[in-house]
Amino acid sequence: MTEAQRDAITEPIPAGLQVWCTNCGRSGEMQKFNGEEWTNLAGITAVSGPPVCGISKVSFQYNGTPVKYGTVFSAGGRCWLDRNLGASRVATDIGHIQGFGDLFQWE
């Protein structure tokens, strides 16, 4: 499978899942999901190409905690995170409390 197909595997991804990534590494490589990220069989983080909006996930630290959010296209064609910062999951409707996230105030 391609890197884009691998990245499109829906969560939760089981730790130990192995795939052959045809366009990863120098000429394709076997990769394993370790529960947090894809690694090659040497245990080194899999090399990724540029992110693909709507498929790629974005990992970063927020409030001292590692988070991984998906990406989505807006109606204007821009790429956004799939949820608000601090939200525990993607909102399913306008009143979905777990999708609210944190409140920011700028002065």
PDB file of N, CA and C in Angstrom:
ATOM      1  N   MET A   1       0.836  -1.174   0.000  1.00  0.00           N
ATOM      2  CA  MET A   1       0.000   0.000   0.000  1.00  0.00           C
ATOM      3  C   MET A   1       0.882   1.238   0.000  1.00  0.00           C
ATOM      4  N   THR A   2       0.322   2.361  -0.445  1.00  0.00           N
ATOM      5  CA  THR A   2       1.080   3.608  -0.459  1.00  0.00           C
ATOM      6  C   THR A   2       1.049   4.254   0.925  1.00  0.00           C
ATOM      7  N   GLU A   3       1.883   5.267   1.112  1.00  0.00           N
ATOM      8  CA  GLU A   3       1.900   5.992   2.382  1.00  0.00           C
ATOM      9  C   GLU A   3       0.534   6.633   2.644  1.00  0.00           C
ATOM     10  N   ALA A   4      -0.090   7.188   1.609  1.00  0.00           N
ATOM     11  CA  ALA A   4      -1.408   7.812   1.768  1.00  0.00           C
ATOM     12  C   ALA A   4      -2.450   6.779   2.195  1.00  0.00           C
ATOM     13  N   GLN A   5      -2.400   5.572   1.625  1.00  0.00           N
ATOM     14  CA  GLN A   5      -3.327   4.518   2.020  1.00  0.00           C
ATOM     15  C   GLN A   5      -3.075   4.102   3.466  1.00  0.00           C
ATOM     16  N   ARG A   6      -1.802   4.007   3.864  1.00  0.00           N
ATOM     17  CA  ARG A   6      -1.461   3.668   5.249  1.00  0.00           C
ATOM     18  C   ARG A   6      -2.003   4.718   6.202  1.00  0.00           C
ATOM     19  N   ASP A   7      -1.819   6.008   5.847  1.00  0.00           N
ATOM     20  CA  ASP A   7      -2.265   7.091   6.715  1.00  0.00           C
ATOM     21  C   ASP A   7      -3.780   7.198   6.772  1.00  0.00           C
ATOM     22  N   ALA A   8      -4.482   6.592   5.821  1.00  0.00           N
ATOM     23  CA  ALA A   8      -5.944   6.633   5.801  1.00  0.00           C
ATOM     24  C   ALA A   8      -6.562   5.514   6.641  1.00  0.00           C
ATOM     25  N   ILE A   9      -5.752   4.632   7.220  1.00  0.00           N
ATOM     26  CA  ILE A   9      -6.277   3.584   8.097  1.00  0.00           C
ATOM     27  C   ILE A   9      -6.920   4.270   9.290  1.00  0.00           C
ATOM     28  N   THR A  10      -8.163   3.919   9.570  1.00  0.00           N
ATOM     29  CA  THR A  10      -8.893   4.605  10.632  1.00  0.00           C
ATOM     30  C   THR A  10      -8.454   4.127  12.013  1.00  0.00           C
ATOM     31  N   GLU A  11      -8.484   5.056  12.944  1.00  0.00           N
ATOM     32  CA  GLU A  11      -8.149   4.729  14.328  1.00  0.00           C
ATOM     33  C   GLU A  11      -9.344   4.070  14.994  1.00  0.00           C
ATOM     34  N   PRO A  12      -9.158   3.231  15.972  1.00  0.00           N
ATOM     35  CA  PRO A  12      -7.872   2.916  16.574  1.00  0.00           C
ATOM     36  C   PRO A  12      -7.081   1.911  15.744  1.00  0.00           C
ATOM     37  N   ILE A  13      -5.820   2.218  15.534  1.00  0.00           N
ATOM     38  CA  ILE A  13      -4.927   1.325  14.801  1.00  0.00           C
ATOM     39  C   ILE A  13      -4.305   0.376  15.822  1.00  0.00           C
ATOM     40  N   PRO A  14      -4.428  -0.923  15.636  1.00  0.00           N
ATOM     41  CA  PRO A  14      -3.883  -1.842  16.628  1.00  0.00           C
ATOM     42  C   PRO A  14      -2.357  -1.840  16.624  1.00  0.00           C
ATOM     43  N   ALA A  15      -1.772  -1.783  17.819  1.00  0.00           N
ATOM     44  CA  ALA A  15      -0.317  -1.876  17.938  1.00  0.00           C
ATOM     45  C   ALA A  15       0.124  -3.217  17.370  1.00  0.00           C
ATOM     46  N   GLY A  16       1.194  -3.201  16.590  1.00  0.00           N
ATOM     47  CA  GLY A  16       1.714  -4.421  15.980  1.00  0.00           C
ATOM     48  C   GLY A  16       1.277  -4.612  14.535  1.00  0.00           C
ATOM     49  N   LEU A  17       0.327  -3.786  14.056  1.00  0.00           N
ATOM     50  CA  LEU A  17      -0.102  -3.897  12.660  1.00  0.00           C
ATOM     51  C   LEU A  17       1.089  -3.620  11.753  1.00  0.00           C
ATOM     52  N   GLN A  18       1.324  -4.491  10.771  1.00  0.00           N
ATOM     53  CA  GLN A  18       2.430  -4.336   9.840  1.00  0.00           C
ATOM     54  C   GLN A  18       1.897  -4.160   8.423  1.00  0.00           C
ATOM     55  N   VAL A  19       2.560  -3.279   7.666  1.00  0.00           N
ATOM     56  CA  VAL A  19       2.200  -3.043   6.270  1.00  0.00           C
ATOM     57  C   VAL A  19       3.470  -2.918   5.446  1.00  0.00           C
ATOM     58  N   TRP A  20       3.362  -3.206   4.158  1.00  0.00           N
ATOM     59  CA  TRP A  20       4.444  -2.912   3.218  1.00  0.00           C
ATOM     60  C   TRP A  20       4.078  -1.593   2.559  1.00  0.00           C
ATOM     61  N   CYS A  21       4.876  -0.551   2.797  1.00  0.00           N
ATOM     62  CA  CYS A  21       4.639   0.769   2.231  1.00  0.00           C
ATOM     63  C   CYS A  21       5.465   0.884   0.955  1.00  0.00           C
ATOM     64  N   THR A  22       4.784   0.925  -0.186  1.00  0.00           N
ATOM     65  CA  THR A  22       5.468   0.862  -1.478  1.00  0.00           C
ATOM     66  C   THR A  22       6.254   2.113  -1.818  1.00  0.00           C
ATOM     67  N   ASN A  23       5.861   3.273  -1.287  1.00  0.00           N
ATOM     68  CA  ASN A  23       6.585   4.506  -1.621  1.00  0.00           C
ATOM     69  C   ASN A  23       7.246   5.140  -0.397  1.00  0.00           C
ATOM     70  N   CYS A  24       7.562   4.340   0.596  1.00  0.00           N
ATOM     71  CA  CYS A  24       8.282   4.802   1.781  1.00  0.00           C
ATOM     72  C   CYS A  24       9.728   4.342   1.715  1.00  0.00           C
ATOM     73  N   GLY A  25      10.595   5.046   2.414  1.00  0.00           N
ATOM     74  CA  GLY A  25      12.011   4.679   2.389  1.00  0.00           C
ATOM     75  C   GLY A  25      12.587   4.868   0.993  1.00  0.00           C
ATOM     76  N   ARG A  26      13.678   4.184   0.711  1.00  0.00           N
ATOM     77  CA  ARG A  26      14.336   4.327  -0.592  1.00  0.00           C
ATOM     78  C   ARG A  26      13.614   3.581  -1.694  1.00  0.00           C
ATOM     79  N   SER A  27      13.104   2.395  -1.381  1.00  0.00           N
ATOM     80  CA  SER A  27      12.412   1.609  -2.419  1.00  0.00           C
ATOM     81  C   SER A  27      11.295   0.777  -1.804  1.00  0.00           C
ATOM     82  N   GLY A  28      10.589   1.382  -0.857  1.00  0.00           N
ATOM     83  CA  GLY A  28       9.537   0.672  -0.138  1.00  0.00           C
ATOM     84  C   GLY A  28      10.109   0.011   1.098  1.00  0.00           C
ATOM     85  N   GLU A  29       9.271  -0.149   2.124  1.00  0.00           N
ATOM     86  CA  GLU A  29       9.761  -0.793   3.345  1.00  0.00           C
ATOM     87  C   GLU A  29       8.602  -1.336   4.162  1.00  0.00           C
ATOM     88  N   MET A  30       8.905  -2.361   4.952  1.00  0.00           N
ATOM     89  CA  MET A  30       7.954  -2.918   5.895  1.00  0.00           C
ATOM     90  C   MET A  30       7.889  -1.962   7.078  1.00  0.00           C
ATOM     91  N   GLN A  31       6.662  -1.650   7.522  1.00  0.00           N
ATOM     92  CA  GLN A  31       6.488  -0.746   8.660  1.00  0.00           C
ATOM     93  C   GLN A  31       5.525  -1.362   9.656  1.00  0.00           C
ATOM     94  N   LYS A  32       5.693  -0.961  10.926  1.00  0.00           N
ATOM     95  CA  LYS A  32       4.861  -1.486  12.005  1.00  0.00           C
ATOM     96  C   LYS A  32       4.342  -0.315  12.836  1.00  0.00           C
ATOM     97  N   PHE A  33       3.080  -0.395  13.265  1.00  0.00           N
ATOM     98  CA  PHE A  33       2.521   0.623  14.141  1.00  0.00           C
ATOM     99  C   PHE A  33       2.800   0.193  15.569  1.00  0.00           C
ATOM    100  N   ASN A  34       3.478   1.047  16.338  1.00  0.00           N
ATOM    101  CA  ASN A  34       3.889   0.680  17.697  1.00  0.00           C
ATOM    102  C   ASN A  34       2.900   1.135  18.765  1.00  0.00           C
ATOM    103  N   GLY A  35       1.733   1.584  18.351  1.00  0.00           N
ATOM    104  CA  GLY A  35       0.740   2.086  19.292  1.00  0.00           C
ATOM    105  C   GLY A  35       0.681   3.601  19.311  1.00  0.00           C
ATOM    106  N   GLU A  36       1.738   4.247  18.829  1.00  0.00           N
ATOM    107  CA  GLU A  36       1.813   5.704  18.776  1.00  0.00           C
ATOM    108  C   GLU A  36       2.120   6.224  17.379  1.00  0.00           C
ATOM    109  N   GLU A  37       3.013   5.512  16.671  1.00  0.00           N
ATOM    110  CA  GLU A  37       3.444   5.976  15.355  1.00  0.00           C
ATOM    111  C   GLU A  37       3.906   4.792  14.519  1.00  0.00           C
ATOM    112  N   TRP A  38       4.040   5.035  13.207  1.00  0.00           N
ATOM    113  CA  TRP A  38       4.565   4.023  12.291  1.00  0.00           C
ATOM    114  C   TRP A  38       6.084   4.055  12.359  1.00  0.00           C
ATOM    115  N   THR A  39       6.694   2.896  12.477  1.00  0.00           N
ATOM    116  CA  THR A  39       8.155   2.777  12.473  1.00  0.00           C
ATOM    117  C   THR A  39       8.557   1.739  11.433  1.00  0.00           C
ATOM    118  N   ASN A  40       9.827   1.822  10.989  1.00  0.00           N
ATOM    119  CA  ASN A  40      10.322   0.741  10.140  1.00  0.00           C
ATOM    120  C   ASN A  40      10.740  -0.405  11.053  1.00  0.00           C
ATOM    121  N   LEU A  41      11.195  -1.491  10.494  1.00  0.00           N
ATOM    122  CA  LEU A  41      11.491  -2.662  11.324  1.00  0.00           C
ATOM    123  C   LEU A  41      12.706  -2.477  12.210  1.00  0.00           C
ATOM    124  N   ALA A  42      13.506  -1.424  11.969  1.00  0.00           N
ATOM    125  CA  ALA A  42      14.622  -1.115  12.860  1.00  0.00           C
ATOM    126  C   ALA A  42      14.139  -0.306  14.064  1.00  0.00           C
ATOM    127  N   GLY A  43      12.837   0.046  14.089  1.00  0.00           N
ATOM    128  CA  GLY A  43      12.277   0.809  15.195  1.00  0.00           C
ATOM    129  C   GLY A  43      12.412   2.311  15.029  1.00  0.00           C
ATOM    130  N   ILE A  44      12.879   2.750  13.853  1.00  0.00           N
ATOM    131  CA  ILE A  44      13.060   4.173  13.591  1.00  0.00           C
ATOM    132  C   ILE A  44      11.763   4.727  13.020  1.00  0.00           C
ATOM    133  N   THR A  45      11.367   5.930  13.464  1.00  0.00           N
ATOM    134  CA  THR A  45      10.144   6.549  12.966  1.00  0.00           C
ATOM    135  C   THR A  45      10.139   6.547  11.455  1.00  0.00           C
ATOM    136  N   ALA A  46       9.024   6.104  10.883  1.00  0.00           N
ATOM    137  CA  ALA A  46       8.900   6.020   9.433  1.00  0.00           C
ATOM    138  C   ALA A  46       9.016   7.411   8.818  1.00  0.00           C
ATOM    139  N   VAL A  47       9.759   7.496   7.732  1.00  0.00           N
ATOM    140  CA  VAL A  47       9.929   8.757   7.020  1.00  0.00           C
ATOM    141  C   VAL A  47       8.629   9.077   6.297  1.00  0.00           C
ATOM    142  N   SER A  48       8.168  10.299   6.466  1.00  0.00           N
ATOM    143  CA  SER A  48       6.923  10.700   5.826  1.00  0.00           C
ATOM    144  C   SER A  48       7.178  11.778   4.808  1.00  0.00           C
ATOM    145  N   GLY A  49       6.340  11.821   3.824  1.00  0.00           N
ATOM    146  CA  GLY A  49       6.378  12.897   2.855  1.00  0.00           C
ATOM    147  C   GLY A  49       5.573  14.073   3.377  1.00  0.00           C
ATOM    148  N   PRO A  50       5.278  15.034   2.521  1.00  0.00           N
ATOM    149  CA  PRO A  50       4.495  16.174   2.970  1.00  0.00           C
ATOM    150  C   PRO A  50       3.086  15.736   3.377  1.00  0.00           C
ATOM    151  N   PRO A  51       2.480  16.425   4.346  1.00  0.00           N
ATOM    152  CA  PRO A  51       1.138  16.032   4.776  1.00  0.00           C
ATOM    153  C   PRO A  51       0.108  16.207   3.662  1.00  0.00           C
ATOM    154  N   VAL A  52      -0.914  15.361   3.681  1.00  0.00           N
ATOM    155  CA  VAL A  52      -1.996  15.423   2.706  1.00  0.00           C
ATOM    156  C   VAL A  52      -3.270  15.761   3.469  1.00  0.00           C
ATOM    157  N   CYS A  53      -3.835  16.942   3.207  1.00  0.00           N
ATOM    158  CA  CYS A  53      -5.026  17.384   3.934  1.00  0.00           C
ATOM    159  C   CYS A  53      -6.174  16.407   3.716  1.00  0.00           C
ATOM    160  N   GLY A  54      -6.857  16.084   4.802  1.00  0.00           N
ATOM    161  CA  GLY A  54      -7.966  15.146   4.749  1.00  0.00           C
ATOM    162  C   GLY A  54      -7.548  13.718   4.983  1.00  0.00           C
ATOM    163  N   ILE A  55      -6.231  13.444   4.919  1.00  0.00           N
ATOM    164  CA  ILE A  55      -5.721  12.084   5.136  1.00  0.00           C
ATOM    165  C   ILE A  55      -4.716  12.074   6.282  1.00  0.00           C
ATOM    166  N   SER A  56      -3.734  12.981   6.219  1.00  0.00           N
ATOM    167  CA  SER A  56      -2.665  13.001   7.215  1.00  0.00           C
ATOM    168  C   SER A  56      -3.175  13.448   8.578  1.00  0.00           C
ATOM    169  N   LYS A  57      -2.502  12.977   9.607  1.00  0.00           N
ATOM    170  CA  LYS A  57      -2.763  13.415  10.966  1.00  0.00           C
ATOM    171  C   LYS A  57      -1.600  14.297  11.409  1.00  0.00           C
ATOM    172  N   VAL A  58      -1.872  15.213  12.324  1.00  0.00           N
ATOM    173  CA  VAL A  58      -0.873  16.152  12.806  1.00  0.00           C
ATOM    174  C   VAL A  58      -0.613  15.836  14.276  1.00  0.00           C
ATOM    175  N   SER A  59       0.645  15.582  14.626  1.00  0.00           N
ATOM    176  CA  SER A  59       1.021  15.290  16.011  1.00  0.00           C
ATOM    177  C   SER A  59       1.804  16.463  16.577  1.00  0.00           C
ATOM    178  N   PHE A  60       1.455  16.854  17.795  1.00  0.00           N
ATOM    179  CA  PHE A  60       2.164  17.939  18.465  1.00  0.00           C
ATOM    180  C   PHE A  60       1.866  17.885  19.959  1.00  0.00           C
ATOM    181  N   GLN A  61       2.557  18.713  20.728  1.00  0.00           N
ATOM    182  CA  GLN A  61       2.330  18.811  22.167  1.00  0.00           C
ATOM    183  C   GLN A  61       1.353  19.951  22.421  1.00  0.00           C
ATOM    184  N   TYR A  62       0.322  19.701  23.221  1.00  0.00           N
ATOM    185  CA  TYR A  62      -0.625  20.743  23.611  1.00  0.00           C
ATOM    186  C   TYR A  62      -0.826  20.660  25.116  1.00  0.00           C
ATOM    187  N   ASN A  63      -0.547  21.740  25.809  1.00  0.00           N
ATOM    188  CA  ASN A  63      -0.619  21.766  27.282  1.00  0.00           C
ATOM    189  C   ASN A  63       0.209  20.647  27.909  1.00  0.00           C
ATOM    190  N   GLY A  64       1.368  20.367  27.324  1.00  0.00           N
ATOM    191  CA  GLY A  64       2.273  19.358  27.857  1.00  0.00           C
ATOM    192  C   GLY A  64       1.883  17.925  27.562  1.00  0.00           C
ATOM    193  N   THR A  65       0.885  17.716  26.728  1.00  0.00           N
ATOM    194  CA  THR A  65       0.410  16.373  26.403  1.00  0.00           C
ATOM    195  C   THR A  65       0.520  16.137  24.902  1.00  0.00           C
ATOM    196  N   PRO A  66       1.048  14.983  24.467  1.00  0.00           N
ATOM    197  CA  PRO A  66       1.065  14.708  23.033  1.00  0.00           C
ATOM    198  C   PRO A  66      -0.356  14.477  22.517  1.00  0.00           C
ATOM    199  N   VAL A  67      -0.686  15.106  21.397  1.00  0.00           N
ATOM    200  CA  VAL A  67      -1.996  14.940  20.769  1.00  0.00           C
ATOM    201  C   VAL A  67      -1.805  14.630  19.294  1.00  0.00           C
ATOM    202  N   LYS A  68      -2.801  13.995  18.696  1.00  0.00           N
ATOM    203  CA  LYS A  68      -2.791  13.701  17.266  1.00  0.00           C
ATOM    204  C   LYS A  68      -4.181  14.011  16.731  1.00  0.00           C
ATOM    205  N   TYR A  69      -4.273  15.010  15.858  1.00  0.00           N
ATOM    206  CA  TYR A  69      -5.541  15.433  15.279  1.00  0.00           C
ATOM    207  C   TYR A  69      -5.526  15.132  13.788  1.00  0.00           C
ATOM    208  N   GLY A  70      -6.694  14.879  13.250  1.00  0.00           N
ATOM    209  CA  GLY A  70      -6.846  14.718  11.818  1.00  0.00           C
ATOM    210  C   GLY A  70      -6.920  16.080  11.140  1.00  0.00           C
ATOM    211  N   THR A  71      -7.043  16.072   9.820  1.00  0.00           N
ATOM    212  CA  THR A  71      -7.147  17.307   9.046  1.00  0.00           C
ATOM    213  C   THR A  71      -8.360  17.228   8.129  1.00  0.00           C
ATOM    214  N   VAL A  72      -8.939  18.387   7.836  1.00  0.00           N
ATOM    215  CA  VAL A  72     -10.103  18.470   6.955  1.00  0.00           C
ATOM    216  C   VAL A  72      -9.995  19.707   6.085  1.00  0.00           C
ATOM    217  N   PHE A  73     -10.647  19.661   4.910  1.00  0.00           N
ATOM    218  CA  PHE A  73     -10.738  20.825   4.037  1.00  0.00           C
ATOM    219  C   PHE A  73     -11.932  21.669   4.452  1.00  0.00           C
ATOM    220  N   SER A  74     -11.783  22.992   4.393  1.00  0.00           N
ATOM    221  CA  SER A  74     -12.918  23.889   4.600  1.00  0.00           C
ATOM    222  C   SER A  74     -13.593  24.140   3.254  1.00  0.00           C
ATOM    223  N   ALA A  75     -14.744  24.793   3.298  1.00  0.00           N
ATOM    224  CA  ALA A  75     -15.454  25.123   2.057  1.00  0.00           C
ATOM    225  C   ALA A  75     -14.595  26.021   1.166  1.00  0.00           C
ATOM    226  N   GLY A  76     -13.721  26.816   1.757  1.00  0.00           N
ATOM    227  CA  GLY A  76     -12.842  27.697   0.984  1.00  0.00           C
ATOM    228  C   GLY A  76     -11.574  27.020   0.497  1.00  0.00           C
ATOM    229  N   GLY A  77     -11.426  25.707   0.746  1.00  0.00           N
ATOM    230  CA  GLY A  77     -10.262  24.975   0.261  1.00  0.00           C
ATOM    231  C   GLY A  77      -9.047  25.028   1.174  1.00  0.00           C
ATOM    232  N   ARG A  78      -9.194  25.579   2.364  1.00  0.00           N
ATOM    233  CA  ARG A  78      -8.076  25.608   3.311  1.00  0.00           C
ATOM    234  C   ARG A  78      -8.061  24.336   4.144  1.00  0.00           C
ATOM    235  N   CYS A  79      -6.887  24.006   4.687  1.00  0.00           N
ATOM    236  CA  CYS A  79      -6.731  22.815   5.513  1.00  0.00           C
ATOM    237  C   CYS A  79      -6.782  23.214   6.989  1.00  0.00           C
ATOM    238  N   TRP A  80      -7.615  22.530   7.770  1.00  0.00           N
ATOM    239  CA  TRP A  80      -7.798  22.822   9.188  1.00  0.00           C
ATOM    240  C   TRP A  80      -7.635  21.541   9.999  1.00  0.00           C
ATOM    241  N   LEU A  81      -7.377  21.696  11.304  1.00  0.00           N
ATOM    242  CA  LEU A  81      -7.441  20.548  12.207  1.00  0.00           C
ATOM    243  C   LEU A  81      -8.896  20.101  12.279  1.00  0.00           C
ATOM    244  N   ASP A  82      -9.131  18.829  12.556  1.00  0.00           N
ATOM    245  CA  ASP A  82     -10.499  18.312  12.562  1.00  0.00           C
ATOM    246  C   ASP A  82     -11.262  18.594  13.855  1.00  0.00           C
ATOM    247  N   ARG A  83     -10.625  19.311  14.789  1.00  0.00           N
ATOM    248  CA  ARG A  83     -11.293  19.643  16.052  1.00  0.00           C
ATOM    249  C   ARG A  83     -10.646  20.876  16.671  1.00  0.00           C
ATOM    250  N   ASN A  84     -11.296  21.443  17.667  1.00  0.00           N
ATOM    251  CA  ASN A  84     -10.743  22.574  18.395  1.00  0.00           C
ATOM    252  C   ASN A  84      -9.611  22.111  19.307  1.00  0.00           C
ATOM    253  N   LEU A  85      -8.658  22.999  19.581  1.00  0.00           N
ATOM    254  CA  LEU A  85      -7.598  22.668  20.532  1.00  0.00           C
ATOM    255  C   LEU A  85      -8.222  22.342  21.886  1.00  0.00           C
ATOM    256  N   GLY A  86      -7.818  21.240  22.464  1.00  0.00           N
ATOM    257  CA  GLY A  86      -8.333  20.820  23.757  1.00  0.00           C
ATOM    258  C   GLY A  86      -9.563  19.943  23.683  1.00  0.00           C
ATOM    259  N   ALA A  87     -10.185  19.810  22.516  1.00  0.00           N
ATOM    260  CA  ALA A  87     -11.355  18.941  22.383  1.00  0.00           C
ATOM    261  C   ALA A  87     -10.907  17.488  22.455  1.00  0.00           C
ATOM    262  N   SER A  88     -11.684  16.677  23.134  1.00  0.00           N
ATOM    263  CA  SER A  88     -11.304  15.268  23.269  1.00  0.00           C
ATOM    264  C   SER A  88     -11.683  14.443  22.054  1.00  0.00           C
ATOM    265  N   ARG A  89     -12.565  14.980  21.201  1.00  0.00           N
ATOM    266  CA  ARG A  89     -12.924  14.265  19.979  1.00  0.00           C
ATOM    267  C   ARG A  89     -13.567  15.221  18.986  1.00  0.00           C
ATOM    268  N   VAL A  90     -13.776  14.742  17.783  1.00  0.00           N
ATOM    269  CA  VAL A  90     -14.428  15.536  16.748  1.00  0.00           C
ATOM    270  C   VAL A  90     -15.893  15.727  17.139  1.00  0.00           C
ATOM    271  N   ALA A  91     -16.412  16.945  17.007  1.00  0.00           N
ATOM    272  CA  ALA A  91     -17.810  17.222  17.329  1.00  0.00           C
ATOM    273  C   ALA A  91     -18.735  16.532  16.327  1.00  0.00           C
ATOM    274  N   THR A  92     -19.834  15.999  16.823  1.00  0.00           N
ATOM    275  CA  THR A  92     -20.818  15.355  15.952  1.00  0.00           C
ATOM    276  C   THR A  92     -22.013  16.260  15.678  1.00  0.00           C
ATOM    277  N   ASP A  93     -22.184  17.309  16.490  1.00  0.00           N
ATOM    278  CA  ASP A  93     -23.220  18.315  16.246  1.00  0.00           C
ATOM    279  C   ASP A  93     -22.843  19.577  17.017  1.00  0.00           C
ATOM    280  N   ILE A  94     -23.631  20.636  16.863  1.00  0.00           N
ATOM    281  CA  ILE A  94     -23.292  21.941  17.442  1.00  0.00           C
ATOM    282  C   ILE A  94     -23.270  21.929  18.979  1.00  0.00           C
ATOM    283  N   GLY A  95     -24.002  21.035  19.623  1.00  0.00           N
ATOM    284  CA  GLY A  95     -24.037  20.981  21.081  1.00  0.00           C
ATOM    285  C   GLY A  95     -23.186  19.887  21.688  1.00  0.00           C
ATOM    286  N   HIS A  96     -22.300  19.284  20.917  1.00  0.00           N
ATOM    287  CA  HIS A  96     -21.479  18.168  21.385  1.00  0.00           C
ATOM    288  C   HIS A  96     -20.367  18.674  22.302  1.00  0.00           C
ATOM    289  N   ILE A  97     -20.523  18.507  23.602  1.00  0.00           N
ATOM    290  CA  ILE A  97     -19.618  19.080  24.600  1.00  0.00           C
ATOM    291  C   ILE A  97     -18.182  18.605  24.417  1.00  0.00           C
ATOM    292  N   GLN A  98     -17.946  17.338  24.072  1.00  0.00           N
ATOM    293  CA  GLN A  98     -16.577  16.837  23.911  1.00  0.00           C
ATOM    294  C   GLN A  98     -15.866  17.487  22.732  1.00  0.00           C
ATOM    295  N   GLY A  99     -16.600  18.147  21.856  1.00  0.00           N
ATOM    296  CA  GLY A  99     -16.007  18.824  20.713  1.00  0.00           C
ATOM    297  C   GLY A  99     -15.754  20.307  20.936  1.00  0.00           C
ATOM    298  N   PHE A 100     -16.117  20.833  22.125  1.00  0.00           N
ATOM    299  CA  PHE A 100     -15.962  22.274  22.380  1.00  0.00           C
ATOM    300  C   PHE A 100     -14.498  22.694  22.437  1.00  0.00           C
ATOM    301  N   GLY A 101     -13.662  21.964  23.144  1.00  0.00           N
ATOM    302  CA  GLY A 101     -12.253  22.370  23.294  1.00  0.00           C
ATOM    303  C   GLY A 101     -12.074  23.457  24.321  1.00  0.00           C
ATOM    304  N   ASP A 102     -10.904  24.094  24.278  1.00  0.00           N
ATOM    305  CA  ASP A 102     -10.540  25.119  25.251  1.00  0.00           C
ATOM    306  C   ASP A 102     -10.977  26.501  24.785  1.00  0.00           C
ATOM    307  N   LEU A 103     -11.167  27.399  25.734  1.00  0.00           N
ATOM    308  CA  LEU A 103     -11.575  28.776  25.443  1.00  0.00           C
ATOM    309  C   LEU A 103     -10.331  29.663  25.494  1.00  0.00           C
ATOM    310  N   PHE A 104     -10.161  30.496  24.472  1.00  0.00           N
ATOM    311  CA  PHE A 104      -9.048  31.425  24.415  1.00  0.00           C
ATOM    312  C   PHE A 104      -9.601  32.835  24.367  1.00  0.00           C
ATOM    313  N   GLN A 105      -8.931  33.757  25.039  1.00  0.00           N
ATOM    314  CA  GLN A 105      -9.327  35.154  24.995  1.00  0.00           C
ATOM    315  C   GLN A 105      -8.091  35.985  24.718  1.00  0.00           C
ATOM    316  N   TRP A 106      -8.154  36.817  23.699  1.00  0.00           N
ATOM    317  CA  TRP A 106      -7.022  37.656  23.296  1.00  0.00           C
ATOM    318  C   TRP A 106      -7.319  39.100  23.665  1.00  0.00           C
ATOM    319  N   GLU A 107      -6.358  39.775  24.223  1.00  0.00           N
ATOM    320  CA  GLU A 107      -6.532  41.185  24.588  1.00  0.00           C
ATOM    321  C   GLU A 107      -5.623  42.069  23.784  1.00  0.00           C
TER     322      GLU A 107
END
